[in-house]
Amino acid sequence: MLARFGGEEFVVMLMAVNKEDMLALADRIRTSIAAGSVAFEGKTIQVTISFGAALAQFEDRDVDAVIERADLALYEAKDSGRNRVAFADRSTRVTA
């Protein structure tokens, strides 16, 4: 499922996926977007995307807990140079 979550934020929810497959999909999307560009007012603009990723855990009280971890990972990805995928693990520690 894909949904717009905020101004420039989208949520992709995958069912029955492991960390490796989730991160591989995010990286394929990131690479695909980065390979293109957009023409705007006579200029070519390179488009990139940063991903924050998290897996639902048994301990999560609701989906908001998962989104919160993914959001923390997103900001880590942006702070680490953008155009990358970062993952938030169980302890909310983020790895880029």
PDB file of N, CA and C in Angstrom:
ATOM      1  N   MET A   1       0.846  -1.154   0.000  1.00  0.00           N
ATOM      2  CA  MET A   1       0.000   0.000   0.000  1.00  0.00           C
ATOM      3  C   MET A   1       0.903   1.232   0.000  1.00  0.00           C
ATOM      4  N   LEU A   2       0.536   2.222  -0.779  1.00  0.00           N
ATOM      5  CA  LEU A   2       1.257   3.489  -0.851  1.00  0.00           C
ATOM      6  C   LEU A   2       0.285   4.592  -0.480  1.00  0.00           C
ATOM      7  N   ALA A   3       0.714   5.497   0.418  1.00  0.00           N
ATOM      8  CA  ALA A   3      -0.150   6.598   0.824  1.00  0.00           C
ATOM      9  C   ALA A   3       0.682   7.851   1.060  1.00  0.00           C
ATOM     10  N   ARG A   4       0.110   8.993   0.712  1.00  0.00           N
ATOM     11  CA  ARG A   4       0.761  10.262   1.031  1.00  0.00           C
ATOM     12  C   ARG A   4       0.536  10.516   2.513  1.00  0.00           C
ATOM     13  N   PHE A   5       1.618  10.806   3.221  1.00  0.00           N
ATOM     14  CA  PHE A   5       1.555  10.940   4.672  1.00  0.00           C
ATOM     15  C   PHE A   5       1.635  12.394   5.103  1.00  0.00           C
ATOM     16  N   GLY A   6       2.310  13.198   4.332  1.00  0.00           N
ATOM     17  CA  GLY A   6       2.486  14.606   4.655  1.00  0.00           C
ATOM     18  C   GLY A   6       2.835  15.355   3.389  1.00  0.00           C
ATOM     19  N   GLY A   7       3.304  16.579   3.536  1.00  0.00           N
ATOM     20  CA  GLY A   7       3.636  17.409   2.391  1.00  0.00           C
ATOM     21  C   GLY A   7       4.505  16.722   1.366  1.00  0.00           C
ATOM     22  N   GLU A   8       5.635  16.227   1.792  1.00  0.00           N
ATOM     23  CA  GLU A   8       6.569  15.543   0.892  1.00  0.00           C
ATOM     24  C   GLU A   8       6.900  14.146   1.394  1.00  0.00           C
ATOM     25  N   GLU A   9       6.037  13.592   2.213  1.00  0.00           N
ATOM     26  CA  GLU A   9       6.299  12.277   2.794  1.00  0.00           C
ATOM     27  C   GLU A   9       5.234  11.276   2.356  1.00  0.00           C
ATOM     28  N   PHE A  10       5.717  10.084   2.045  1.00  0.00           N
ATOM     29  CA  PHE A  10       4.842   8.991   1.641  1.00  0.00           C
ATOM     30  C   PHE A  10       5.160   7.781   2.505  1.00  0.00           C
ATOM     31  N   VAL A  11       4.168   6.942   2.708  1.00  0.00           N
ATOM     32  CA  VAL A  11       4.350   5.703   3.458  1.00  0.00           C
ATOM     33  C   VAL A  11       4.097   4.542   2.502  1.00  0.00           C
ATOM     34  N   VAL A  12       5.024   3.597   2.490  1.00  0.00           N
ATOM     35  CA  VAL A  12       4.847   2.358   1.744  1.00  0.00           C
ATOM     36  C   VAL A  12       4.746   1.254   2.782  1.00  0.00           C
ATOM     37  N   MET A  13       3.624   0.537   2.790  1.00  0.00           N
ATOM     38  CA  MET A  13       3.448  -0.549   3.741  1.00  0.00           C
ATOM     39  C   MET A  13       3.522  -1.869   2.985  1.00  0.00           C
ATOM     40  N   LEU A  14       4.431  -2.717   3.413  1.00  0.00           N
ATOM     41  CA  LEU A  14       4.616  -4.029   2.796  1.00  0.00           C
ATOM     42  C   LEU A  14       4.238  -5.097   3.812  1.00  0.00           C
ATOM     43  N   MET A  15       3.600  -6.125   3.353  1.00  0.00           N
ATOM     44  CA  MET A  15       3.205  -7.218   4.233  1.00  0.00           C
ATOM     45  C   MET A  15       4.140  -8.402   4.027  1.00  0.00           C
ATOM     46  N   ALA A  16       4.435  -9.113   5.107  1.00  0.00           N
ATOM     47  CA  ALA A  16       5.225 -10.348   5.065  1.00  0.00           C
ATOM     48  C   ALA A  16       6.537 -10.159   4.314  1.00  0.00           C
ATOM     49  N   VAL A  17       7.306  -9.175   4.748  1.00  0.00           N
ATOM     50  CA  VAL A  17       8.598  -8.900   4.113  1.00  0.00           C
ATOM     51  C   VAL A  17       9.679  -8.870   5.195  1.00  0.00           C
ATOM     52  N   ASN A  18      10.872  -9.295   4.827  1.00  0.00           N
ATOM     53  CA  ASN A  18      11.976  -9.225   5.786  1.00  0.00           C
ATOM     54  C   ASN A  18      12.789  -7.952   5.544  1.00  0.00           C
ATOM     55  N   LYS A  19      13.695  -7.676   6.451  1.00  0.00           N
ATOM     56  CA  LYS A  19      14.492  -6.451   6.391  1.00  0.00           C
ATOM     57  C   LYS A  19      15.261  -6.346   5.080  1.00  0.00           C
ATOM     58  N   GLU A  20      15.914  -7.415   4.672  1.00  0.00           N
ATOM     59  CA  GLU A  20      16.749  -7.372   3.466  1.00  0.00           C
ATOM     60  C   GLU A  20      15.922  -7.054   2.229  1.00  0.00           C
ATOM     61  N   ASP A  21      14.772  -7.698   2.081  1.00  0.00           N
ATOM     62  CA  ASP A  21      13.918  -7.441   0.917  1.00  0.00           C
ATOM     63  C   ASP A  21      13.344  -6.030   0.943  1.00  0.00           C
ATOM     64  N   MET A  22      12.966  -5.558   2.132  1.00  0.00           N
ATOM     65  CA  MET A  22      12.428  -4.212   2.268  1.00  0.00           C
ATOM     66  C   MET A  22      13.475  -3.178   1.867  1.00  0.00           C
ATOM     67  N   LEU A  23      14.696  -3.347   2.372  1.00  0.00           N
ATOM     68  CA  LEU A  23      15.755  -2.394   2.049  1.00  0.00           C
ATOM     69  C   LEU A  23      16.151  -2.469   0.578  1.00  0.00           C
ATOM     70  N   ALA A  24      16.124  -3.661   0.001  1.00  0.00           N
ATOM     71  CA  ALA A  24      16.446  -3.814  -1.422  1.00  0.00           C
ATOM     72  C   ALA A  24      15.408  -3.095  -2.285  1.00  0.00           C
ATOM     73  N   LEU A  25      14.130  -3.225  -1.937  1.00  0.00           N
ATOM     74  CA  LEU A  25      13.083  -2.537  -2.685  1.00  0.00           C
ATOM     75  C   LEU A  25      13.245  -1.024  -2.557  1.00  0.00           C
ATOM     76  N   ALA A  26      13.470  -0.546  -1.345  1.00  0.00           N
ATOM     77  CA  ALA A  26      13.664   0.894  -1.140  1.00  0.00           C
ATOM     78  C   ALA A  26      14.843   1.398  -1.966  1.00  0.00           C
ATOM     79  N   ASP A  27      15.916   0.636  -2.007  1.00  0.00           N
ATOM     80  CA  ASP A  27      17.087   1.069  -2.767  1.00  0.00           C
ATOM     81  C   ASP A  27      16.823   1.034  -4.273  1.00  0.00           C
ATOM     82  N   ARG A  28      16.048   0.067  -4.743  1.00  0.00           N
ATOM     83  CA  ARG A  28      15.690   0.041  -6.175  1.00  0.00           C
ATOM     84  C   ARG A  28      14.856   1.267  -6.546  1.00  0.00           C
ATOM     85  N   ILE A  29      13.918   1.629  -5.691  1.00  0.00           N
ATOM     86  CA  ILE A  29      13.103   2.825  -5.939  1.00  0.00           C
ATOM     87  C   ILE A  29      13.993   4.064  -5.921  1.00  0.00           C
ATOM     88  N   ARG A  30      14.873   4.159  -4.928  1.00  0.00           N
ATOM     89  CA  ARG A  30      15.774   5.302  -4.809  1.00  0.00           C
ATOM     90  C   ARG A  30      16.651   5.444  -6.044  1.00  0.00           C
ATOM     91  N   THR A  31      17.229   4.337  -6.495  1.00  0.00           N
ATOM     92  CA  THR A  31      18.108   4.341  -7.660  1.00  0.00           C
ATOM     93  C   THR A  31      17.341   4.731  -8.922  1.00  0.00           C
ATOM     94  N   SER A  32      16.136   4.232  -9.051  1.00  0.00           N
ATOM     95  CA  SER A  32      15.296   4.542 -10.215  1.00  0.00           C
ATOM     96  C   SER A  32      14.988   6.034 -10.293  1.00  0.00           C
ATOM     97  N   ILE A  33      14.616   6.599  -9.165  1.00  0.00           N
ATOM     98  CA  ILE A  33      14.291   8.026  -9.134  1.00  0.00           C
ATOM     99  C   ILE A  33      15.538   8.860  -9.401  1.00  0.00           C
ATOM    100  N   ALA A  34      16.655   8.501  -8.807  1.00  0.00           N
ATOM    101  CA  ALA A  34      17.899   9.260  -8.985  1.00  0.00           C
ATOM    102  C   ALA A  34      18.418   9.191 -10.418  1.00  0.00           C
ATOM    103  N   ALA A  35      18.030   8.172 -11.163  1.00  0.00           N
ATOM    104  CA  ALA A  35      18.489   8.029 -12.550  1.00  0.00           C
ATOM    105  C   ALA A  35      17.789   9.011 -13.486  1.00  0.00           C
ATOM    106  N   GLY A  36      16.698   9.591 -13.049  1.00  0.00           N
ATOM    107  CA  GLY A  36      15.944  10.512 -13.890  1.00  0.00           C
ATOM    108  C   GLY A  36      16.191  11.958 -13.508  1.00  0.00           C
ATOM    109  N   SER A  37      15.574  12.843 -14.243  1.00  0.00           N
ATOM    110  CA  SER A  37      15.643  14.268 -13.943  1.00  0.00           C
ATOM    111  C   SER A  37      14.343  14.912 -14.398  1.00  0.00           C
ATOM    112  N   VAL A  38      14.136  16.157 -13.982  1.00  0.00           N
ATOM    113  CA  VAL A  38      12.921  16.887 -14.307  1.00  0.00           C
ATOM    114  C   VAL A  38      13.318  18.211 -14.944  1.00  0.00           C
ATOM    115  N   ALA A  39      12.668  18.558 -16.049  1.00  0.00           N
ATOM    116  CA  ALA A  39      12.890  19.861 -16.675  1.00  0.00           C
ATOM    117  C   ALA A  39      11.932  20.860 -16.033  1.00  0.00           C
ATOM    118  N   PHE A  40      12.484  21.985 -15.573  1.00  0.00           N
ATOM    119  CA  PHE A  40      11.665  23.010 -14.936  1.00  0.00           C
ATOM    120  C   PHE A  40      12.231  24.373 -15.282  1.00  0.00           C
ATOM    121  N   GLU A  41      11.407  25.203 -15.911  1.00  0.00           N
ATOM    122  CA  GLU A  41      11.788  26.561 -16.297  1.00  0.00           C
ATOM    123  C   GLU A  41      13.125  26.591 -17.029  1.00  0.00           C
ATOM    124  N   GLY A  42      13.274  25.676 -17.973  1.00  0.00           N
ATOM    125  CA  GLY A  42      14.468  25.648 -18.801  1.00  0.00           C
ATOM    126  C   GLY A  42      15.693  25.036 -18.151  1.00  0.00           C
ATOM    127  N   LYS A  43      15.555  24.525 -16.962  1.00  0.00           N
ATOM    128  CA  LYS A  43      16.681  23.903 -16.258  1.00  0.00           C
ATOM    129  C   LYS A  43      16.377  22.435 -16.012  1.00  0.00           C
ATOM    130  N   THR A  44      17.426  21.652 -15.924  1.00  0.00           N
ATOM    131  CA  THR A  44      17.281  20.241 -15.586  1.00  0.00           C
ATOM    132  C   THR A  44      17.577  20.070 -14.104  1.00  0.00           C
ATOM    133  N   ILE A  45      16.650  19.478 -13.404  1.00  0.00           N
ATOM    134  CA  ILE A  45      16.785  19.291 -11.958  1.00  0.00           C
ATOM    135  C   ILE A  45      16.933  17.806 -11.666  1.00  0.00           C
ATOM    136  N   GLN A  46      17.985  17.474 -10.941  1.00  0.00           N
ATOM    137  CA  GLN A  46      18.193  16.093 -10.500  1.00  0.00           C
ATOM    138  C   GLN A  46      17.284  15.822  -9.301  1.00  0.00           C
ATOM    139  N   VAL A  47      16.557  14.740  -9.351  1.00  0.00           N
ATOM    140  CA  VAL A  47      15.631  14.390  -8.275  1.00  0.00           C
ATOM    141  C   VAL A  47      16.221  13.231  -7.479  1.00  0.00           C
ATOM    142  N   THR A  48      16.171  13.332  -6.170  1.00  0.00           N
ATOM    143  CA  THR A  48      16.615  12.242  -5.298  1.00  0.00           C
ATOM    144  C   THR A  48      15.532  11.975  -4.257  1.00  0.00           C
ATOM    145  N   ILE A  49      15.698  10.882  -3.554  1.00  0.00           N
ATOM    146  CA  ILE A  49      14.736  10.503  -2.522  1.00  0.00           C
ATOM    147  C   ILE A  49      15.496   9.873  -1.357  1.00  0.00           C
ATOM    148  N   SER A  50      15.047  10.179  -0.164  1.00  0.00           N
ATOM    149  CA  SER A  50      15.604   9.552   1.036  1.00  0.00           C
ATOM    150  C   SER A  50      14.515   8.685   1.656  1.00  0.00           C
ATOM    151  N   PHE A  51      14.918   7.525   2.166  1.00  0.00           N
ATOM    152  CA  PHE A  51      13.981   6.584   2.777  1.00  0.00           C
ATOM    153  C   PHE A  51      14.325   6.386   4.244  1.00  0.00           C
ATOM    154  N   GLY A  52      13.298   6.333   5.070  1.00  0.00           N
ATOM    155  CA  GLY A  52      13.422   5.846   6.427  1.00  0.00           C
ATOM    156  C   GLY A  52      12.618   4.563   6.503  1.00  0.00           C
ATOM    157  N   ALA A  53      13.214   3.504   6.983  1.00  0.00           N
ATOM    158  CA  ALA A  53      12.557   2.200   6.984  1.00  0.00           C
ATOM    159  C   ALA A  53      12.519   1.608   8.390  1.00  0.00           C
ATOM    160  N   ALA A  54      11.449   0.882   8.669  1.00  0.00           N
ATOM    161  CA  ALA A  54      11.304   0.190   9.954  1.00  0.00           C
ATOM    162  C   ALA A  54      10.395  -1.015   9.755  1.00  0.00           C
ATOM    163  N   LEU A  55      10.634  -2.040  10.541  1.00  0.00           N
ATOM    164  CA  LEU A  55       9.778  -3.228  10.540  1.00  0.00           C
ATOM    165  C   LEU A  55       8.862  -3.196  11.752  1.00  0.00           C
ATOM    166  N   ALA A  56       7.632  -3.649  11.578  1.00  0.00           N
ATOM    167  CA  ALA A  56       6.721  -3.777  12.713  1.00  0.00           C
ATOM    168  C   ALA A  56       7.246  -4.870  13.634  1.00  0.00           C
ATOM    169  N   GLN A  57       7.187  -4.612  14.918  1.00  0.00           N
ATOM    170  CA  GLN A  57       7.644  -5.557  15.929  1.00  0.00           C
ATOM    171  C   GLN A  57       6.465  -5.947  16.823  1.00  0.00           C
ATOM    172  N   PHE A  58       6.545  -7.099  17.418  1.00  0.00           N
ATOM    173  CA  PHE A  58       5.488  -7.579  18.302  1.00  0.00           C
ATOM    174  C   PHE A  58       5.196  -6.567  19.414  1.00  0.00           C
ATOM    175  N   GLU A  59       6.235  -5.888  19.878  1.00  0.00           N
ATOM    176  CA  GLU A  59       6.098  -4.950  20.993  1.00  0.00           C
ATOM    177  C   GLU A  59       5.427  -3.638  20.602  1.00  0.00           C
ATOM    178  N   ASP A  60       5.295  -3.353  19.316  1.00  0.00           N
ATOM    179  CA  ASP A  60       4.718  -2.080  18.887  1.00  0.00           C
ATOM    180  C   ASP A  60       3.276  -1.966  19.356  1.00  0.00           C
ATOM    181  N   ARG A  61       2.951  -0.822  19.933  1.00  0.00           N
ATOM    182  CA  ARG A  61       1.605  -0.614  20.456  1.00  0.00           C
ATOM    183  C   ARG A  61       0.597  -0.358  19.342  1.00  0.00           C
ATOM    184  N   ASP A  62       1.075   0.208  18.223  1.00  0.00           N
ATOM    185  CA  ASP A  62       0.211   0.466  17.069  1.00  0.00           C
ATOM    186  C   ASP A  62       1.082   0.839  15.876  1.00  0.00           C
ATOM    187  N   VAL A  63       0.437   1.094  14.752  1.00  0.00           N
ATOM    188  CA  VAL A  63       1.192   1.410  13.537  1.00  0.00           C
ATOM    189  C   VAL A  63       1.961   2.721  13.684  1.00  0.00           C
ATOM    190  N   ASP A  64       1.476   3.619  14.535  1.00  0.00           N
ATOM    191  CA  ASP A  64       2.176   4.889  14.746  1.00  0.00           C
ATOM    192  C   ASP A  64       3.585   4.678  15.286  1.00  0.00           C
ATOM    193  N   ALA A  65       3.787   3.646  16.086  1.00  0.00           N
ATOM    194  CA  ALA A  65       5.124   3.356  16.618  1.00  0.00           C
ATOM    195  C   ALA A  65       6.085   2.990  15.492  1.00  0.00           C
ATOM    196  N   VAL A  66       5.607   2.250  14.523  1.00  0.00           N
ATOM    197  CA  VAL A  66       6.439   1.861  13.377  1.00  0.00           C
ATOM    198  C   VAL A  66       6.748   3.088  12.531  1.00  0.00           C
ATOM    199  N   ILE A  67       5.736   3.898  12.270  1.00  0.00           N
ATOM    200  CA  ILE A  67       5.930   5.111  11.470  1.00  0.00           C
ATOM    201  C   ILE A  67       6.882   6.064  12.175  1.00  0.00           C
ATOM    202  N   GLU A  68       6.796   6.147  13.489  1.00  0.00           N
ATOM    203  CA  GLU A  68       7.704   7.011  14.249  1.00  0.00           C
ATOM    204  C   GLU A  68       9.158   6.574  14.069  1.00  0.00           C
ATOM    205  N   ARG A  69       9.412   5.272  14.136  1.00  0.00           N
ATOM    206  CA  ARG A  69      10.780   4.779  13.918  1.00  0.00           C
ATOM    207  C   ARG A  69      11.238   5.051  12.490  1.00  0.00           C
ATOM    208  N   ALA A  70      10.345   4.830  11.535  1.00  0.00           N
ATOM    209  CA  ALA A  70      10.694   5.095  10.131  1.00  0.00           C
ATOM    210  C   ALA A  70      10.987   6.576   9.925  1.00  0.00           C
ATOM    211  N   ASP A  71      10.239   7.437  10.599  1.00  0.00           N
ATOM    212  CA  ASP A  71      10.466   8.878  10.495  1.00  0.00           C
ATOM    213  C   ASP A  71      11.828   9.261  11.064  1.00  0.00           C
ATOM    214  N   LEU A  72      12.205   8.659  12.189  1.00  0.00           N
ATOM    215  CA  LEU A  72      13.543   8.901  12.747  1.00  0.00           C
ATOM    216  C   LEU A  72      14.619   8.462  11.760  1.00  0.00           C
ATOM    217  N   ALA A  73      14.402   7.333  11.123  1.00  0.00           N
ATOM    218  CA  ALA A  73      15.359   6.844  10.129  1.00  0.00           C
ATOM    219  C   ALA A  73      15.417   7.780   8.928  1.00  0.00           C
ATOM    220  N   LEU A  74      14.278   8.322   8.524  1.00  0.00           N
ATOM    221  CA  LEU A  74      14.251   9.260   7.402  1.00  0.00           C
ATOM    222  C   LEU A  74      15.131  10.471   7.694  1.00  0.00           C
ATOM    223  N   TYR A  75      15.013  11.031   8.885  1.00  0.00           N
ATOM    224  CA  TYR A  75      15.828  12.198   9.217  1.00  0.00           C
ATOM    225  C   TYR A  75      17.302  11.841   9.318  1.00  0.00           C
ATOM    226  N   GLU A  76      17.602  10.632   9.742  1.00  0.00           N
ATOM    227  CA  GLU A  76      18.996  10.169   9.746  1.00  0.00           C
ATOM    228  C   GLU A  76      19.520  10.084   8.311  1.00  0.00           C
ATOM    229  N   ALA A  77      18.698   9.575   7.405  1.00  0.00           N
ATOM    230  CA  ALA A  77      19.098   9.492   5.991  1.00  0.00           C
ATOM    231  C   ALA A  77      19.359  10.885   5.433  1.00  0.00           C
ATOM    232  N   LYS A  78      18.490  11.825   5.749  1.00  0.00           N
ATOM    233  CA  LYS A  78      18.676  13.199   5.270  1.00  0.00           C
ATOM    234  C   LYS A  78      19.920  13.829   5.879  1.00  0.00           C
ATOM    235  N   ASP A  79      20.126  13.621   7.170  1.00  0.00           N
ATOM    236  CA  ASP A  79      21.296  14.191   7.854  1.00  0.00           C
ATOM    237  C   ASP A  79      22.600  13.558   7.395  1.00  0.00           C
ATOM    238  N   SER A  80      22.524  12.350   6.846  1.00  0.00           N
ATOM    239  CA  SER A  80      23.728  11.630   6.406  1.00  0.00           C
ATOM    240  C   SER A  80      24.073  11.905   4.946  1.00  0.00           C
ATOM    241  N   GLY A  81      23.403  12.854   4.334  1.00  0.00           N
ATOM    242  CA  GLY A  81      23.761  13.220   2.981  1.00  0.00           C
ATOM    243  C   GLY A  81      22.665  13.069   1.957  1.00  0.00           C
ATOM    244  N   ARG A  82      21.496  12.651   2.362  1.00  0.00           N
ATOM    245  CA  ARG A  82      20.353  12.493   1.463  1.00  0.00           C
ATOM    246  C   ARG A  82      20.587  11.422   0.411  1.00  0.00           C
ATOM    247  N   ASN A  83      19.546  11.146  -0.366  1.00  0.00           N
ATOM    248  CA  ASN A  83      19.593  10.134  -1.419  1.00  0.00           C
ATOM    249  C   ASN A  83      20.124   8.803  -0.897  1.00  0.00           C
ATOM    250  N   ARG A  84      19.553   8.360   0.198  1.00  0.00           N
ATOM    251  CA  ARG A  84      19.960   7.087   0.801  1.00  0.00           C
ATOM    252  C   ARG A  84      18.804   6.471   1.566  1.00  0.00           C
ATOM    253  N   VAL A  85      19.014   5.248   1.988  1.00  0.00           N
ATOM    254  CA  VAL A  85      18.030   4.504   2.773  1.00  0.00           C
ATOM    255  C   VAL A  85      18.621   4.284   4.158  1.00  0.00           C
ATOM    256  N   ALA A  86      17.860   4.596   5.202  1.00  0.00           N
ATOM    257  CA  ALA A  86      18.295   4.336   6.576  1.00  0.00           C
ATOM    258  C   ALA A  86      17.245   3.457   7.252  1.00  0.00           C
ATOM    259  N   PHE A  87      17.699   2.594   8.134  1.00  0.00           N
ATOM    260  CA  PHE A  87      16.828   1.635   8.811  1.00  0.00           C
ATOM    261  C   PHE A  87      16.848   1.870  10.314  1.00  0.00           C
ATOM    262  N   ALA A  88      15.668   1.872  10.934  1.00  0.00           N
ATOM    263  CA  ALA A  88      15.551   1.979  12.389  1.00  0.00           C
ATOM    264  C   ALA A  88      15.307   0.585  12.946  1.00  0.00           C
ATOM    265  N   ASP A  89      16.186   0.145  13.817  1.00  0.00           N
ATOM    266  CA  ASP A  89      16.019  -1.194  14.384  1.00  0.00           C
ATOM    267  C   ASP A  89      15.082  -1.174  15.586  1.00  0.00           C
ATOM    268  N   ARG A  90      14.957  -2.301  16.256  1.00  0.00           N
ATOM    269  CA  ARG A  90      14.028  -2.462  17.389  1.00  0.00           C
ATOM    270  C   ARG A  90      14.170  -1.403  18.464  1.00  0.00           C
ATOM    271  N   SER A  91      15.371  -1.030  18.770  1.00  0.00           N
ATOM    272  CA  SER A  91      15.595  -0.094  19.869  1.00  0.00           C
ATOM    273  C   SER A  91      15.480   1.349  19.406  1.00  0.00           C
ATOM    274  N   THR A  92      15.007   1.557  18.207  1.00  0.00           N
ATOM    275  CA  THR A  92      14.868   2.863  17.587  1.00  0.00           C
ATOM    276  C   THR A  92      16.220   3.455  17.234  1.00  0.00           C
ATOM    277  N   ARG A  93      17.273   2.666  17.433  1.00  0.00           N
ATOM    278  CA  ARG A  93      18.586   3.108  16.969  1.00  0.00           C
ATOM    279  C   ARG A  93      18.561   3.050  15.453  1.00  0.00           C
ATOM    280  N   VAL A  94      19.060   4.075  14.817  1.00  0.00           N
ATOM    281  CA  VAL A  94      18.973   4.176  13.367  1.00  0.00           C
ATOM    282  C   VAL A  94      20.321   3.864  12.744  1.00  0.00           C
ATOM    283  N   THR A  95      20.307   3.091  11.655  1.00  0.00           N
ATOM    284  CA  THR A  95      21.534   2.808  10.914  1.00  0.00           C
ATOM    285  C   THR A  95      21.343   3.223   9.467  1.00  0.00           C
ATOM    286  N   ALA A  96      22.341   3.916   8.926  1.00  0.00           N
ATOM    287  CA  ALA A  96      22.255   4.375   7.527  1.00  0.00           C
ATOM    288  C   ALA A  96      23.158   3.534   6.662  1.00  0.00           C
TER     289      ALA A  96
END
